[in-house]
Amino acid sequence: MDDAVKQKFDHYPDHIRPKMEAIRSLIYEVAETTEGVDQITETLKWSEPAYLTSKPKSGTTIRIDWKERAPDQIGVYVNCNTSLVETWRTMFSEELDFEGTRAMLLPVNQPLPENPLRICIQMALRYHLDK
């Protein structure tokens, strides 16, 4: 794990860190099993853990974060200029919550919706390949 990202994870509250780590692990797992996605680069963007495909023109950056001002949710963010959140909203409006054109919001007091989340991550990691 990148040192700056590790410091960010270390500062999450104890009840948040495991969910953030689970989302991070899922991003890596989906990347490893998705055709056209090369290695993932982990860094901080806008002070949020960010995951980028190293293969140019394959996917869009995925950022994840928990914020004190919204303590009941974890955000999964993508570039607001993509059509991803609108597509996800169409596919998963009954299972997931969204914010505008940039975020999927996951409640911290519920299990991660692993199957929809896996599909959304895969779509982000292949965004430029599939559009």
N, C-alpha and C. Protein backbone atom coordinates (compact mmCIF):
# COMPACT_ATOMS: atom_id res chain seq x y z
N MET A 1 0.86 -1.18 0.00
CA MET A 1 0.00 0.00 0.00
C MET A 1 0.90 1.23 0.00
N ASP A 2 0.56 2.19 -0.83
CA ASP A 2 1.25 3.46 -0.88
C ASP A 2 1.27 4.09 0.53
N ASP A 3 2.41 4.70 0.92
CA ASP A 3 2.54 5.24 2.28
C ASP A 3 1.49 6.30 2.60
N ALA A 4 1.22 7.20 1.66
CA ALA A 4 0.21 8.24 1.91
C ALA A 4 -1.18 7.63 2.06
N VAL A 5 -1.47 6.62 1.26
CA VAL A 5 -2.76 5.94 1.35
C VAL A 5 -2.85 5.19 2.68
N LYS A 6 -1.75 4.56 3.09
CA LYS A 6 -1.74 3.85 4.37
C LYS A 6 -2.03 4.82 5.51
N GLN A 7 -1.42 5.99 5.49
CA GLN A 7 -1.69 6.99 6.53
C GLN A 7 -3.16 7.39 6.53
N LYS A 8 -3.74 7.54 5.34
CA LYS A 8 -5.15 7.89 5.25
C LYS A 8 -6.01 6.78 5.87
N PHE A 9 -5.74 5.53 5.51
CA PHE A 9 -6.49 4.40 6.07
C PHE A 9 -6.31 4.33 7.59
N ASP A 10 -5.11 4.60 8.07
CA ASP A 10 -4.85 4.55 9.50
C ASP A 10 -5.64 5.60 10.28
N HIS A 11 -6.06 6.67 9.61
CA HIS A 11 -6.81 7.73 10.28
C HIS A 11 -8.33 7.52 10.25
N TYR A 12 -8.79 6.51 9.54
CA TYR A 12 -10.22 6.23 9.58
C TYR A 12 -10.60 5.65 10.94
N PRO A 13 -11.81 5.92 11.41
CA PRO A 13 -12.26 5.31 12.67
C PRO A 13 -12.24 3.78 12.56
N ASP A 14 -12.10 3.13 13.70
CA ASP A 14 -11.99 1.67 13.74
C ASP A 14 -13.16 0.96 13.07
N HIS A 15 -14.36 1.52 13.14
CA HIS A 15 -15.52 0.85 12.54
C HIS A 15 -15.61 1.11 11.04
N ILE A 16 -14.85 2.06 10.52
CA ILE A 16 -14.86 2.39 9.08
C ILE A 16 -13.75 1.67 8.32
N ARG A 17 -12.59 1.58 8.94
CA ARG A 17 -11.42 1.02 8.26
C ARG A 17 -11.67 -0.34 7.60
N PRO A 18 -12.32 -1.30 8.28
CA PRO A 18 -12.53 -2.60 7.61
C PRO A 18 -13.37 -2.50 6.33
N LYS A 19 -14.36 -1.62 6.32
CA LYS A 19 -15.16 -1.46 5.09
C LYS A 19 -14.34 -0.84 3.98
N MET A 20 -13.53 0.16 4.33
CA MET A 20 -12.67 0.79 3.33
C MET A 20 -11.68 -0.23 2.77
N GLU A 21 -11.12 -1.05 3.65
CA GLU A 21 -10.18 -2.09 3.20
C GLU A 21 -10.88 -3.12 2.33
N ALA A 22 -12.13 -3.44 2.64
CA ALA A 22 -12.88 -4.40 1.82
C ALA A 22 -13.15 -3.84 0.43
N ILE A 23 -13.48 -2.57 0.34
CA ILE A 23 -13.71 -1.94 -0.98
C ILE A 23 -12.40 -1.92 -1.76
N ARG A 24 -11.31 -1.55 -1.09
CA ARG A 24 -9.99 -1.54 -1.73
C ARG A 24 -9.65 -2.93 -2.27
N SER A 25 -9.84 -3.95 -1.46
CA SER A 25 -9.55 -5.32 -1.89
C SER A 25 -10.41 -5.73 -3.08
N LEU A 26 -11.67 -5.32 -3.06
CA LEU A 26 -12.56 -5.65 -4.17
C LEU A 26 -12.09 -4.98 -5.46
N ILE A 27 -11.62 -3.75 -5.37
CA ILE A 27 -11.09 -3.06 -6.57
C ILE A 27 -9.94 -3.86 -7.16
N TYR A 28 -9.01 -4.29 -6.32
CA TYR A 28 -7.87 -5.07 -6.81
C TYR A 28 -8.32 -6.43 -7.36
N GLU A 29 -9.24 -7.06 -6.68
CA GLU A 29 -9.74 -8.37 -7.14
C GLU A 29 -10.42 -8.24 -8.50
N VAL A 30 -11.26 -7.24 -8.66
CA VAL A 30 -11.95 -7.04 -9.93
C VAL A 30 -10.93 -6.72 -11.03
N ALA A 31 -9.95 -5.90 -10.72
CA ALA A 31 -8.92 -5.55 -11.71
C ALA A 31 -8.17 -6.79 -12.19
N GLU A 32 -7.84 -7.67 -11.27
CA GLU A 32 -7.09 -8.88 -11.62
C GLU A 32 -7.88 -9.82 -12.52
N THR A 33 -9.20 -9.79 -12.41
CA THR A 33 -10.02 -10.75 -13.15
C THR A 33 -10.77 -10.12 -14.33
N THR A 34 -10.45 -8.88 -14.65
CA THR A 34 -11.16 -8.19 -15.73
C THR A 34 -10.25 -8.01 -16.93
N GLU A 35 -10.70 -8.52 -18.06
CA GLU A 35 -9.95 -8.41 -19.29
C GLU A 35 -9.77 -6.95 -19.69
N GLY A 36 -8.56 -6.61 -20.14
CA GLY A 36 -8.28 -5.27 -20.61
C GLY A 36 -7.81 -4.31 -19.53
N VAL A 37 -7.84 -4.77 -18.29
CA VAL A 37 -7.40 -3.92 -17.18
C VAL A 37 -6.02 -4.41 -16.76
N ASP A 38 -5.08 -3.51 -16.78
CA ASP A 38 -3.71 -3.86 -16.38
C ASP A 38 -3.58 -3.63 -14.88
N GLN A 39 -2.41 -3.41 -14.41
CA GLN A 39 -2.20 -3.19 -12.99
C GLN A 39 -2.88 -1.90 -12.53
N ILE A 40 -3.15 -1.85 -11.23
CA ILE A 40 -3.78 -0.69 -10.61
C ILE A 40 -2.70 0.12 -9.89
N THR A 41 -2.76 1.42 -10.06
CA THR A 41 -1.91 2.33 -9.31
C THR A 41 -2.74 2.93 -8.19
N GLU A 42 -2.19 2.90 -6.98
CA GLU A 42 -2.89 3.42 -5.80
C GLU A 42 -2.20 4.71 -5.36
N THR A 43 -2.99 5.75 -5.15
CA THR A 43 -2.45 7.04 -4.74
C THR A 43 -3.54 7.82 -4.01
N LEU A 44 -3.25 9.06 -3.66
CA LEU A 44 -4.28 9.95 -3.14
C LEU A 44 -4.58 11.00 -4.19
N LYS A 45 -5.86 11.25 -4.42
CA LYS A 45 -6.33 12.35 -5.26
C LYS A 45 -7.38 13.08 -4.46
N TRP A 46 -7.22 14.38 -4.34
CA TRP A 46 -8.12 15.19 -3.53
C TRP A 46 -8.19 14.63 -2.10
N SER A 47 -7.05 14.13 -1.62
CA SER A 47 -6.92 13.55 -0.28
C SER A 47 -7.77 12.31 -0.07
N GLU A 48 -8.13 11.65 -1.14
CA GLU A 48 -8.92 10.42 -1.07
C GLU A 48 -8.16 9.28 -1.73
N PRO A 49 -8.23 8.06 -1.18
CA PRO A 49 -7.60 6.93 -1.84
C PRO A 49 -8.17 6.78 -3.26
N ALA A 50 -7.24 6.68 -4.22
CA ALA A 50 -7.63 6.64 -5.63
C ALA A 50 -6.95 5.46 -6.32
N TYR A 51 -7.68 4.86 -7.25
CA TYR A 51 -7.22 3.66 -7.94
C TYR A 51 -7.35 3.91 -9.43
N LEU A 52 -6.20 3.85 -10.14
CA LEU A 52 -6.14 4.16 -11.56
C LEU A 52 -5.62 2.95 -12.32
N THR A 53 -6.15 2.74 -13.49
CA THR A 53 -5.60 1.69 -14.33
C THR A 53 -4.29 2.21 -14.91
N SER A 54 -3.28 1.36 -14.97
CA SER A 54 -1.99 1.79 -15.51
C SER A 54 -1.97 1.73 -17.04
N LYS A 55 -2.91 1.01 -17.61
CA LYS A 55 -3.00 0.92 -19.07
C LYS A 55 -3.78 2.14 -19.58
N PRO A 56 -3.16 2.97 -20.41
CA PRO A 56 -3.85 4.17 -20.90
C PRO A 56 -5.15 3.84 -21.63
N LYS A 57 -6.10 4.72 -21.47
CA LYS A 57 -7.39 4.63 -22.18
C LYS A 57 -8.16 3.35 -21.89
N SER A 58 -8.00 2.80 -20.68
CA SER A 58 -8.77 1.62 -20.34
C SER A 58 -9.91 1.96 -19.38
N GLY A 59 -9.59 2.60 -18.26
CA GLY A 59 -10.64 2.89 -17.29
C GLY A 59 -10.54 4.30 -16.74
N THR A 60 -11.47 4.61 -15.86
CA THR A 60 -11.45 5.89 -15.18
C THR A 60 -11.07 5.68 -13.72
N THR A 61 -10.56 6.70 -13.10
CA THR A 61 -10.14 6.62 -11.70
C THR A 61 -11.33 6.37 -10.78
N ILE A 62 -11.12 5.50 -9.81
CA ILE A 62 -12.10 5.25 -8.75
C ILE A 62 -11.50 5.80 -7.47
N ARG A 63 -12.24 6.63 -6.77
CA ARG A 63 -11.82 7.13 -5.46
C ARG A 63 -12.81 6.63 -4.42
N ILE A 64 -12.31 6.39 -3.21
CA ILE A 64 -13.18 5.96 -2.12
C ILE A 64 -12.85 6.81 -0.89
N ASP A 65 -13.87 7.11 -0.09
CA ASP A 65 -13.58 7.89 1.11
C ASP A 65 -14.77 7.89 2.06
N TRP A 66 -14.44 8.08 3.33
CA TRP A 66 -15.40 8.33 4.39
C TRP A 66 -15.10 9.72 4.91
N LYS A 67 -16.13 10.49 5.16
CA LYS A 67 -15.94 11.86 5.62
C LYS A 67 -16.73 12.10 6.90
N GLU A 68 -16.12 12.85 7.81
CA GLU A 68 -16.78 13.15 9.09
C GLU A 68 -18.10 13.88 8.90
N ARG A 69 -18.20 14.68 7.86
CA ARG A 69 -19.44 15.45 7.65
C ARG A 69 -20.61 14.57 7.18
N ALA A 70 -20.31 13.36 6.73
CA ALA A 70 -21.33 12.38 6.34
C ALA A 70 -20.94 11.04 6.96
N PRO A 71 -21.03 10.93 8.28
CA PRO A 71 -20.45 9.77 8.99
C PRO A 71 -21.16 8.45 8.75
N ASP A 72 -22.34 8.48 8.15
CA ASP A 72 -23.10 7.24 7.95
C ASP A 72 -22.89 6.60 6.58
N GLN A 73 -21.95 7.15 5.80
CA GLN A 73 -21.78 6.61 4.45
C GLN A 73 -20.32 6.64 4.00
N ILE A 74 -20.03 5.75 3.08
CA ILE A 74 -18.74 5.73 2.39
C ILE A 74 -19.05 6.03 0.93
N GLY A 75 -18.26 6.91 0.34
CA GLY A 75 -18.47 7.26 -1.07
C GLY A 75 -17.51 6.51 -1.98
N VAL A 76 -18.04 6.09 -3.12
CA VAL A 76 -17.24 5.54 -4.21
C VAL A 76 -17.43 6.54 -5.34
N TYR A 77 -16.35 7.22 -5.72
CA TYR A 77 -16.42 8.35 -6.64
C TYR A 77 -15.77 8.04 -7.98
N VAL A 78 -16.37 8.58 -9.04
CA VAL A 78 -15.78 8.52 -10.37
C VAL A 78 -15.87 9.91 -10.98
N ASN A 79 -15.18 10.10 -12.07
CA ASN A 79 -15.20 11.39 -12.76
C ASN A 79 -16.64 11.75 -13.13
N CYS A 80 -17.05 12.95 -12.78
CA CYS A 80 -18.44 13.37 -13.04
C CYS A 80 -18.73 13.58 -14.52
N ASN A 81 -17.70 13.58 -15.35
CA ASN A 81 -17.92 13.72 -16.80
C ASN A 81 -18.17 12.38 -17.49
N THR A 82 -18.13 11.29 -16.73
CA THR A 82 -18.46 9.99 -17.30
C THR A 82 -19.97 9.77 -17.18
N SER A 83 -20.46 8.76 -17.84
CA SER A 83 -21.87 8.38 -17.73
C SER A 83 -22.08 7.26 -16.72
N LEU A 84 -21.05 6.93 -15.97
CA LEU A 84 -21.09 5.76 -15.09
C LEU A 84 -22.19 5.84 -14.04
N VAL A 85 -22.27 6.92 -13.28
CA VAL A 85 -23.24 6.97 -12.19
C VAL A 85 -24.66 6.92 -12.74
N GLU A 86 -24.90 7.55 -13.85
CA GLU A 86 -26.24 7.48 -14.45
C GLU A 86 -26.57 6.04 -14.87
N THR A 87 -25.60 5.35 -15.43
CA THR A 87 -25.80 3.95 -15.80
C THR A 87 -26.02 3.09 -14.56
N TRP A 88 -25.20 3.30 -13.52
CA TRP A 88 -25.37 2.55 -12.28
C TRP A 88 -26.73 2.81 -11.68
N ARG A 89 -27.16 4.05 -11.72
CA ARG A 89 -28.47 4.41 -11.15
C ARG A 89 -29.58 3.64 -11.88
N THR A 90 -29.47 3.52 -13.18
CA THR A 90 -30.45 2.77 -13.96
C THR A 90 -30.44 1.29 -13.60
N MET A 91 -29.25 0.77 -13.38
CA MET A 91 -29.11 -0.66 -13.11
C MET A 91 -29.44 -1.03 -11.65
N PHE A 92 -29.07 -0.17 -10.71
CA PHE A 92 -29.11 -0.56 -9.30
C PHE A 92 -29.84 0.44 -8.40
N SER A 93 -30.82 1.14 -8.90
CA SER A 93 -31.49 2.17 -8.10
C SER A 93 -32.19 1.60 -6.87
N GLU A 94 -32.55 0.34 -6.89
CA GLU A 94 -33.22 -0.24 -5.73
C GLU A 94 -32.24 -0.77 -4.69
N GLU A 95 -30.98 -0.99 -5.09
CA GLU A 95 -29.99 -1.55 -4.17
C GLU A 95 -28.98 -0.52 -3.66
N LEU A 96 -28.73 0.52 -4.45
CA LEU A 96 -27.67 1.48 -4.12
C LEU A 96 -28.20 2.90 -4.12
N ASP A 97 -27.50 3.78 -3.40
CA ASP A 97 -27.80 5.20 -3.39
C ASP A 97 -26.70 5.95 -4.14
N PHE A 98 -27.08 7.06 -4.76
CA PHE A 98 -26.15 7.82 -5.57
C PHE A 98 -26.24 9.30 -5.24
N GLU A 99 -25.19 10.03 -5.60
CA GLU A 99 -25.16 11.47 -5.43
C GLU A 99 -24.73 12.10 -6.74
N GLY A 100 -25.64 12.85 -7.35
CA GLY A 100 -25.30 13.53 -8.59
C GLY A 100 -24.78 12.60 -9.65
N THR A 101 -23.71 13.05 -10.32
CA THR A 101 -23.10 12.27 -11.40
C THR A 101 -21.72 11.73 -11.02
N ARG A 102 -21.42 11.78 -9.70
CA ARG A 102 -20.06 11.40 -9.33
C ARG A 102 -19.91 10.35 -8.26
N ALA A 103 -21.01 9.97 -7.56
CA ALA A 103 -20.79 9.11 -6.40
C ALA A 103 -21.85 8.06 -6.18
N MET A 104 -21.40 6.92 -5.71
CA MET A 104 -22.23 5.87 -5.14
C MET A 104 -22.02 5.98 -3.63
N LEU A 105 -23.09 5.95 -2.86
CA LEU A 105 -23.00 6.09 -1.42
C LEU A 105 -23.38 4.78 -0.75
N LEU A 106 -22.48 4.27 0.07
CA LEU A 106 -22.68 2.99 0.74
C LEU A 106 -22.87 3.23 2.23
N PRO A 107 -23.98 2.75 2.80
CA PRO A 107 -24.20 2.94 4.24
C PRO A 107 -23.20 2.14 5.06
N VAL A 108 -22.67 2.76 6.11
CA VAL A 108 -21.65 2.08 6.92
C VAL A 108 -22.25 1.02 7.84
N ASN A 109 -23.55 1.09 8.10
CA ASN A 109 -24.18 0.15 9.04
C ASN A 109 -24.81 -1.05 8.34
N GLN A 110 -24.51 -1.26 7.07
CA GLN A 110 -25.03 -2.40 6.32
C GLN A 110 -23.88 -3.13 5.64
N PRO A 111 -24.06 -4.41 5.34
CA PRO A 111 -23.01 -5.13 4.60
C PRO A 111 -22.81 -4.50 3.22
N LEU A 112 -21.60 -4.61 2.70
CA LEU A 112 -21.33 -4.10 1.36
C LEU A 112 -22.17 -4.88 0.34
N PRO A 113 -22.78 -4.18 -0.61
CA PRO A 113 -23.53 -4.86 -1.67
C PRO A 113 -22.54 -5.40 -2.72
N GLU A 114 -21.91 -6.50 -2.39
CA GLU A 114 -20.75 -6.95 -3.15
C GLU A 114 -21.00 -7.16 -4.64
N ASN A 115 -22.09 -7.81 -5.01
CA ASN A 115 -22.30 -8.08 -6.44
C ASN A 115 -22.52 -6.80 -7.25
N PRO A 116 -23.44 -5.90 -6.85
CA PRO A 116 -23.56 -4.65 -7.61
C PRO A 116 -22.26 -3.83 -7.58
N LEU A 117 -21.60 -3.81 -6.44
CA LEU A 117 -20.36 -3.05 -6.32
C LEU A 117 -19.30 -3.60 -7.26
N ARG A 118 -19.21 -4.90 -7.35
CA ARG A 118 -18.25 -5.55 -8.26
C ARG A 118 -18.51 -5.14 -9.71
N ILE A 119 -19.77 -5.13 -10.11
CA ILE A 119 -20.14 -4.75 -11.47
C ILE A 119 -19.79 -3.29 -11.73
N CYS A 120 -20.09 -2.42 -10.78
CA CYS A 120 -19.80 -0.99 -10.94
C CYS A 120 -18.30 -0.74 -11.03
N ILE A 121 -17.52 -1.42 -10.21
CA ILE A 121 -16.07 -1.27 -10.27
C ILE A 121 -15.55 -1.73 -11.62
N GLN A 122 -16.03 -2.86 -12.09
CA GLN A 122 -15.60 -3.37 -13.39
C GLN A 122 -15.93 -2.38 -14.51
N MET A 123 -17.11 -1.80 -14.45
CA MET A 123 -17.51 -0.83 -15.47
C MET A 123 -16.58 0.39 -15.45
N ALA A 124 -16.19 0.84 -14.25
CA ALA A 124 -15.28 1.98 -14.14
C ALA A 124 -13.89 1.62 -14.67
N LEU A 125 -13.41 0.43 -14.34
CA LEU A 125 -12.08 0.02 -14.76
C LEU A 125 -11.99 -0.21 -16.27
N ARG A 126 -13.12 -0.41 -16.94
CA ARG A 126 -13.15 -0.62 -18.39
C ARG A 126 -13.87 0.53 -19.12
N TYR A 127 -14.07 1.63 -18.47
CA TYR A 127 -14.92 2.69 -19.00
C TYR A 127 -14.53 3.11 -20.42
N HIS A 128 -13.27 3.39 -20.67
CA HIS A 128 -12.85 3.86 -22.00
C HIS A 128 -12.83 2.71 -23.02
N LEU A 129 -12.64 1.50 -22.56
CA LEU A 129 -12.66 0.35 -23.47
C LEU A 129 -14.08 0.04 -23.95
N ASP A 130 -15.07 0.30 -23.10
CA ASP A 130 -16.45 -0.10 -23.40
C ASP A 130 -17.32 1.00 -23.97
N LYS A 131 -16.86 2.24 -23.92
CA LYS A 131 -17.76 3.31 -24.39
C LYS A 131 -17.76 3.46 -25.89
